[in-house]
PDB file of N, CA and C in Angstrom:
ATOM      1  N   MET A   1     -45.856 111.160 -39.762  1.00  0.00           N
ATOM      2  CA  MET A   1     -44.706 110.531 -39.163  1.00  0.00           C
ATOM      3  C   MET A   1     -44.964 109.027 -39.094  1.00  0.00           C
ATOM      4  N   ILE A   2     -43.977 108.254 -39.490  1.00  0.00           N
ATOM      5  CA  ILE A   2     -44.103 106.808 -39.479  1.00  0.00           C
ATOM      6  C   ILE A   2     -43.277 106.253 -38.324  1.00  0.00           C
ATOM      7  N   PHE A   3     -43.917 105.440 -37.520  1.00  0.00           N
ATOM      8  CA  PHE A   3     -43.233 104.801 -36.408  1.00  0.00           C
ATOM      9  C   PHE A   3     -42.973 103.346 -36.759  1.00  0.00           C
ATOM     10  N   ARG A   4     -41.782 102.919 -36.494  1.00  0.00           N
ATOM     11  CA  ARG A   4     -41.458 101.517 -36.724  1.00  0.00           C
ATOM     12  C   ARG A   4     -41.793 100.723 -35.481  1.00  0.00           C
ATOM     13  N   LYS A   5     -42.273  99.517 -35.725  1.00  0.00           N
ATOM     14  CA  LYS A   5     -42.488  98.620 -34.596  1.00  0.00           C
ATOM     15  C   LYS A   5     -41.138  98.091 -34.159  1.00  0.00           C
ATOM     16  N   THR A   6     -40.957  98.029 -32.890  1.00  0.00           N
ATOM     17  CA  THR A   6     -39.708  97.465 -32.399  1.00  0.00           C
ATOM     18  C   THR A   6     -39.782  95.958 -32.539  1.00  0.00           C
ATOM     19  N   SER A   7     -38.792  95.408 -33.153  1.00  0.00           N
ATOM     20  CA  SER A   7     -38.783  93.957 -33.327  1.00  0.00           C
ATOM     21  C   SER A   7     -38.324  93.317 -32.019  1.00  0.00           C
ATOM     22  N   PRO A   8     -38.958  92.215 -31.673  1.00  0.00           N
ATOM     23  CA  PRO A   8     -38.524  91.557 -30.435  1.00  0.00           C
ATOM     24  C   PRO A   8     -37.103  91.044 -30.591  1.00  0.00           C
ATOM     25  N   LYS A   9     -36.375  91.102 -29.509  1.00  0.00           N
ATOM     26  CA  LYS A   9     -34.987  90.656 -29.529  1.00  0.00           C
ATOM     27  C   LYS A   9     -34.954  89.165 -29.831  1.00  0.00           C
ATOM     28  N   GLU A  10     -34.197  88.806 -30.851  1.00  0.00           N
ATOM     29  CA  GLU A  10     -34.103  87.403 -31.209  1.00  0.00           C
ATOM     30  C   GLU A  10     -33.218  86.691 -30.206  1.00  0.00           C
ATOM     31  N   ILE A  11     -33.686  85.568 -29.773  1.00  0.00           N
ATOM     32  CA  ILE A  11     -32.966  84.797 -28.770  1.00  0.00           C
ATOM     33  C   ILE A  11     -31.773  84.107 -29.443  1.00  0.00           C
ATOM     34  N   THR A  12     -30.657  84.088 -28.757  1.00  0.00           N
ATOM     35  CA  THR A  12     -29.456  83.480 -29.322  1.00  0.00           C
ATOM     36  C   THR A  12     -29.479  81.971 -29.106  1.00  0.00           C
ATOM     37  N   SER A  13     -28.645  81.293 -29.850  1.00  0.00           N
ATOM     38  CA  SER A  13     -28.600  79.833 -29.725  1.00  0.00           C
ATOM     39  C   SER A  13     -28.066  79.411 -28.358  1.00  0.00           C
ATOM     40  N   GLU A  14     -27.214  80.215 -27.755  1.00  0.00           N
ATOM     41  CA  GLU A  14     -26.718  79.903 -26.418  1.00  0.00           C
ATOM     42  C   GLU A  14     -27.851  79.983 -25.402  1.00  0.00           C
ATOM     43  N   GLU A  15     -28.737  80.962 -25.563  1.00  0.00           N
ATOM     44  CA  GLU A  15     -29.873  81.088 -24.656  1.00  0.00           C
ATOM     45  C   GLU A  15     -30.863  79.935 -24.853  1.00  0.00           C
ATOM     46  N   ILE A  16     -31.034  79.508 -26.104  1.00  0.00           N
ATOM     47  CA  ILE A  16     -31.902  78.363 -26.372  1.00  0.00           C
ATOM     48  C   ILE A  16     -31.353  77.130 -25.678  1.00  0.00           C
ATOM     49  N   LEU A  17     -30.055  76.925 -25.791  1.00  0.00           N
ATOM     50  CA  LEU A  17     -29.428  75.766 -25.168  1.00  0.00           C
ATOM     51  C   LEU A  17     -29.617  75.777 -23.655  1.00  0.00           C
ATOM     52  N   SER A  18     -29.535  76.934 -23.035  1.00  0.00           N
ATOM     53  CA  SER A  18     -29.722  77.007 -21.585  1.00  0.00           C
ATOM     54  C   SER A  18     -31.187  76.828 -21.197  1.00  0.00           C
ATOM     55  N   GLN A  19     -32.124  77.174 -22.086  1.00  0.00           N
ATOM     56  CA  GLN A  19     -33.548  77.027 -21.783  1.00  0.00           C
ATOM     57  C   GLN A  19     -34.039  75.588 -21.902  1.00  0.00           C
ATOM     58  N   VAL A  20     -33.296  74.759 -22.621  1.00  0.00           N
ATOM     59  CA  VAL A  20     -33.723  73.375 -22.823  1.00  0.00           C
ATOM     60  C   VAL A  20     -33.843  72.649 -21.493  1.00  0.00           C
ATOM     61  N   SER A  21     -32.892  72.833 -20.616  1.00  0.00           N
ATOM     62  CA  SER A  21     -32.937  72.120 -19.332  1.00  0.00           C
ATOM     63  C   SER A  21     -34.045  72.643 -18.425  1.00  0.00           C
ATOM     64  N   LYS A  22     -34.512  73.854 -18.660  1.00  0.00           N
ATOM     65  CA  LYS A  22     -35.561  74.445 -17.837  1.00  0.00           C
ATOM     66  C   LYS A  22     -36.954  74.241 -18.418  1.00  0.00           C
ATOM     67  N   CYS A  23     -37.031  73.675 -19.608  1.00  0.00           N
ATOM     68  CA  CYS A  23     -38.297  73.546 -20.327  1.00  0.00           C
ATOM     69  C   CYS A  23     -39.192  72.496 -19.673  1.00  0.00           C
ATOM     70  N   ASP A  24     -40.476  72.827 -19.549  1.00  0.00           N
ATOM     71  CA  ASP A  24     -41.444  71.881 -19.000  1.00  0.00           C
ATOM     72  C   ASP A  24     -41.663  70.739 -19.979  1.00  0.00           C
ATOM     73  N   PRO A  25     -41.928  69.537 -19.470  1.00  0.00           N
ATOM     74  CA  PRO A  25     -42.153  68.394 -20.357  1.00  0.00           C
ATOM     75  C   PRO A  25     -43.305  68.605 -21.346  1.00  0.00           C
ATOM     76  N   GLU A  26     -44.308  69.385 -20.961  1.00  0.00           N
ATOM     77  CA  GLU A  26     -45.449  69.635 -21.844  1.00  0.00           C
ATOM     78  C   GLU A  26     -45.065  70.508 -23.033  1.00  0.00           C
ATOM     79  N   ASP A  27     -44.035  71.315 -22.877  1.00  0.00           N
ATOM     80  CA  ASP A  27     -43.644  72.258 -23.917  1.00  0.00           C
ATOM     81  C   ASP A  27     -42.494  71.758 -24.792  1.00  0.00           C
ATOM     82  N   LEU A  28     -42.018  70.551 -24.551  1.00  0.00           N
ATOM     83  CA  LEU A  28     -40.840  70.064 -25.262  1.00  0.00           C
ATOM     84  C   LEU A  28     -41.076  69.947 -26.770  1.00  0.00           C
ATOM     85  N   GLU A  29     -42.226  69.432 -27.182  1.00  0.00           N
ATOM     86  CA  GLU A  29     -42.472  69.228 -28.602  1.00  0.00           C
ATOM     87  C   GLU A  29     -42.572  70.550 -29.358  1.00  0.00           C
ATOM     88  N   THR A  30     -43.225  71.544 -28.778  1.00  0.00           N
ATOM     89  CA  THR A  30     -43.321  72.834 -29.461  1.00  0.00           C
ATOM     90  C   THR A  30     -41.955  73.514 -29.514  1.00  0.00           C
ATOM     91  N   PHE A  31     -41.188  73.362 -28.448  1.00  0.00           N
ATOM     92  CA  PHE A  31     -39.839  73.928 -28.428  1.00  0.00           C
ATOM     93  C   PHE A  31     -38.958  73.239 -29.467  1.00  0.00           C
ATOM     94  N   LEU A  32     -39.128  71.919 -29.612  1.00  0.00           N
ATOM     95  CA  LEU A  32     -38.389  71.166 -30.614  1.00  0.00           C
ATOM     96  C   LEU A  32     -38.746  71.633 -32.021  1.00  0.00           C
ATOM     97  N   ASN A  33     -40.010  71.896 -32.273  1.00  0.00           N
ATOM     98  CA  ASN A  33     -40.435  72.397 -33.587  1.00  0.00           C
ATOM     99  C   ASN A  33     -39.834  73.763 -33.885  1.00  0.00           C
ATOM    100  N   GLN A  34     -39.767  74.625 -32.878  1.00  0.00           N
ATOM    101  CA  GLN A  34     -39.169  75.944 -33.062  1.00  0.00           C
ATOM    102  C   GLN A  34     -37.682  75.829 -33.377  1.00  0.00           C
ATOM    103  N   ILE A  35     -36.998  74.932 -32.689  1.00  0.00           N
ATOM    104  CA  ILE A  35     -35.570  74.741 -32.931  1.00  0.00           C
ATOM    105  C   ILE A  35     -35.341  74.164 -34.321  1.00  0.00           C
ATOM    106  N   GLN A  36     -36.173  73.192 -34.712  1.00  0.00           N
ATOM    107  CA  GLN A  36     -36.033  72.582 -36.034  1.00  0.00           C
ATOM    108  C   GLN A  36     -36.234  73.626 -37.137  1.00  0.00           C
ATOM    109  N   THR A  37     -37.203  74.497 -36.979  1.00  0.00           N
ATOM    110  CA  THR A  37     -37.440  75.557 -37.952  1.00  0.00           C
ATOM    111  C   THR A  37     -36.243  76.494 -38.036  1.00  0.00           C
ATOM    112  N   ARG A  38     -35.691  76.817 -36.903  1.00  0.00           N
ATOM    113  CA  ARG A  38     -34.533  77.710 -36.876  1.00  0.00           C
ATOM    114  C   ARG A  38     -33.310  77.047 -37.507  1.00  0.00           C
ATOM    115  N   ILE A  39     -33.128  75.747 -37.290  1.00  0.00           N
ATOM    116  CA  ILE A  39     -32.016  75.028 -37.904  1.00  0.00           C
ATOM    117  C   ILE A  39     -32.161  75.046 -39.428  1.00  0.00           C
ATOM    118  N   GLU A  40     -33.384  74.846 -39.905  1.00  0.00           N
ATOM    119  CA  GLU A  40     -33.625  74.824 -41.346  1.00  0.00           C
ATOM    120  C   GLU A  40     -33.401  76.189 -41.981  1.00  0.00           C
ATOM    121  N   ASN A  41     -33.603  77.254 -41.228  1.00  0.00           N
ATOM    122  CA  ASN A  41     -33.476  78.603 -41.777  1.00  0.00           C
ATOM    123  C   ASN A  41     -32.068  79.179 -41.688  1.00  0.00           C
ATOM    124  N   THR A  42     -31.158  78.495 -41.010  1.00  0.00           N
ATOM    125  CA  THR A  42     -29.790  78.980 -40.918  1.00  0.00           C
ATOM    126  C   THR A  42     -28.939  78.308 -41.980  1.00  0.00           C
ATOM    127  N   GLU A  43     -28.004  79.054 -42.502  1.00  0.00           N
ATOM    128  CA  GLU A  43     -27.135  78.523 -43.554  1.00  0.00           C
ATOM    129  C   GLU A  43     -25.981  77.714 -42.964  1.00  0.00           C
ATOM    130  N   ASP A  44     -25.405  78.198 -41.902  1.00  0.00           N
ATOM    131  CA  ASP A  44     -24.285  77.510 -41.261  1.00  0.00           C
ATOM    132  C   ASP A  44     -24.798  76.569 -40.184  1.00  0.00           C
ATOM    133  N   LYS A  45     -23.987  75.571 -39.851  1.00  0.00           N
ATOM    134  CA  LYS A  45     -24.350  74.684 -38.754  1.00  0.00           C
ATOM    135  C   LYS A  45     -24.149  75.410 -37.444  1.00  0.00           C
ATOM    136  N   ASP A  46     -25.195  75.444 -36.662  1.00  0.00           N
ATOM    137  CA  ASP A  46     -25.121  76.030 -35.331  1.00  0.00           C
ATOM    138  C   ASP A  46     -25.116  74.868 -34.339  1.00  0.00           C
ATOM    139  N   TRP A  47     -23.960  74.610 -33.778  1.00  0.00           N
ATOM    140  CA  TRP A  47     -23.801  73.445 -32.912  1.00  0.00           C
ATOM    141  C   TRP A  47     -24.629  73.554 -31.655  1.00  0.00           C
ATOM    142  N   ASN A  48     -24.890  74.759 -31.181  1.00  0.00           N
ATOM    143  CA  ASN A  48     -25.733  74.914 -29.992  1.00  0.00           C
ATOM    144  C   ASN A  48     -27.165  74.488 -30.284  1.00  0.00           C
ATOM    145  N   LEU A  49     -27.672  74.839 -31.460  1.00  0.00           N
ATOM    146  CA  LEU A  49     -29.025  74.432 -31.831  1.00  0.00           C
ATOM    147  C   LEU A  49     -29.109  72.919 -32.023  1.00  0.00           C
ATOM    148  N   LEU A  50     -28.087  72.348 -32.625  1.00  0.00           N
ATOM    149  CA  LEU A  50     -28.078  70.902 -32.821  1.00  0.00           C
ATOM    150  C   LEU A  50     -28.016  70.166 -31.481  1.00  0.00           C
ATOM    151  N   MET A  51     -27.254  70.695 -30.542  1.00  0.00           N
ATOM    152  CA  MET A  51     -27.171  70.093 -29.216  1.00  0.00           C
ATOM    153  C   MET A  51     -28.511  70.227 -28.489  1.00  0.00           C
ATOM    154  N   ALA A  52     -29.162  71.376 -28.619  1.00  0.00           N
ATOM    155  CA  ALA A  52     -30.469  71.576 -27.992  1.00  0.00           C
ATOM    156  C   ALA A  52     -31.491  70.601 -28.571  1.00  0.00           C
ATOM    157  N   LYS A  53     -31.447  70.391 -29.879  1.00  0.00           N
ATOM    158  CA  LYS A  53     -32.355  69.435 -30.517  1.00  0.00           C
ATOM    159  C   LYS A  53     -32.104  68.031 -29.992  1.00  0.00           C
ATOM    160  N   THR A  54     -30.857  67.646 -29.852  1.00  0.00           N
ATOM    161  CA  THR A  54     -30.505  66.325 -29.337  1.00  0.00           C
ATOM    162  C   THR A  54     -30.974  66.155 -27.899  1.00  0.00           C
ATOM    163  N   MET A  55     -30.795  67.185 -27.093  1.00  0.00           N
ATOM    164  CA  MET A  55     -31.209  67.114 -25.690  1.00  0.00           C
ATOM    165  C   MET A  55     -32.721  66.953 -25.565  1.00  0.00           C
ATOM    166  N   ILE A  56     -33.472  67.712 -26.355  1.00  0.00           N
ATOM    167  CA  ILE A  56     -34.931  67.619 -26.294  1.00  0.00           C
ATOM    168  C   ILE A  56     -35.394  66.260 -26.791  1.00  0.00           C
ATOM    169  N   THR A  57     -34.798  65.790 -27.867  1.00  0.00           N
ATOM    170  CA  THR A  57     -35.172  64.492 -28.413  1.00  0.00           C
ATOM    171  C   THR A  57     -34.934  63.376 -27.402  1.00  0.00           C
ATOM    172  N   SER A  58     -33.806  63.423 -26.704  1.00  0.00           N
ATOM    173  CA  SER A  58     -33.529  62.384 -25.712  1.00  0.00           C
ATOM    174  C   SER A  58     -34.456  62.509 -24.511  1.00  0.00           C
ATOM    175  N   ARG A  59     -34.816  63.722 -24.119  1.00  0.00           N
ATOM    176  CA  ARG A  59     -35.770  63.890 -23.015  1.00  0.00           C
ATOM    177  C   ARG A  59     -37.140  63.358 -23.389  1.00  0.00           C
ATOM    178  N   LEU A  60     -37.568  63.622 -24.631  1.00  0.00           N
ATOM    179  CA  LEU A  60     -38.857  63.112 -25.086  1.00  0.00           C
ATOM    180  C   LEU A  60     -38.853  61.575 -25.127  1.00  0.00           C
ATOM    181  N   ALA A  61     -37.756  61.004 -25.583  1.00  0.00           N
ATOM    182  CA  ALA A  61     -37.652  59.550 -25.640  1.00  0.00           C
ATOM    183  C   ALA A  61     -37.707  58.933 -24.240  1.00  0.00           C
ATOM    184  N   SER A  62     -37.044  59.551 -23.286  1.00  0.00           N
ATOM    185  CA  SER A  62     -37.057  59.000 -21.929  1.00  0.00           C
ATOM    186  C   SER A  62     -38.419  59.162 -21.274  1.00  0.00           C
ATOM    187  N   LEU A  63     -39.139  60.246 -21.595  1.00  0.00           N
ATOM    188  CA  LEU A  63     -40.479  60.421 -21.044  1.00  0.00           C
ATOM    189  C   LEU A  63     -41.454  59.404 -21.625  1.00  0.00           C
ATOM    190  N   ARG A  64     -41.303  59.110 -22.891  1.00  0.00           N
ATOM    191  CA  ARG A  64     -42.226  58.173 -23.542  1.00  0.00           C
ATOM    192  C   ARG A  64     -41.937  56.728 -23.173  1.00  0.00           C
ATOM    193  N   SER A  65     -40.701  56.428 -22.788  1.00  0.00           N
ATOM    194  CA  SER A  65     -40.379  55.044 -22.425  1.00  0.00           C
ATOM    195  C   SER A  65     -40.799  54.723 -20.998  1.00  0.00           C
ATOM    196  N   SER A  66     -41.110  55.728 -20.222  1.00  0.00           N
ATOM    197  CA  SER A  66     -41.487  55.519 -18.817  1.00  0.00           C
ATOM    198  C   SER A  66     -42.926  55.051 -18.679  1.00  0.00           C
TER     199      SER A  66
END
């Protein structure tokens, strides 16, 4: 008998957008890399992912200017 591994539930772009505001400053760059990879792998423009990328980028810029 072959058992399939259950694949983890893929997080939606709406959930990513809501997690951006809750993300710790230390984790912003890794979260940004994950979003960038996901944007590159999608065929259509996902406006929620693009907005999340913009939000993280602006947060990183404000942290570095302080």
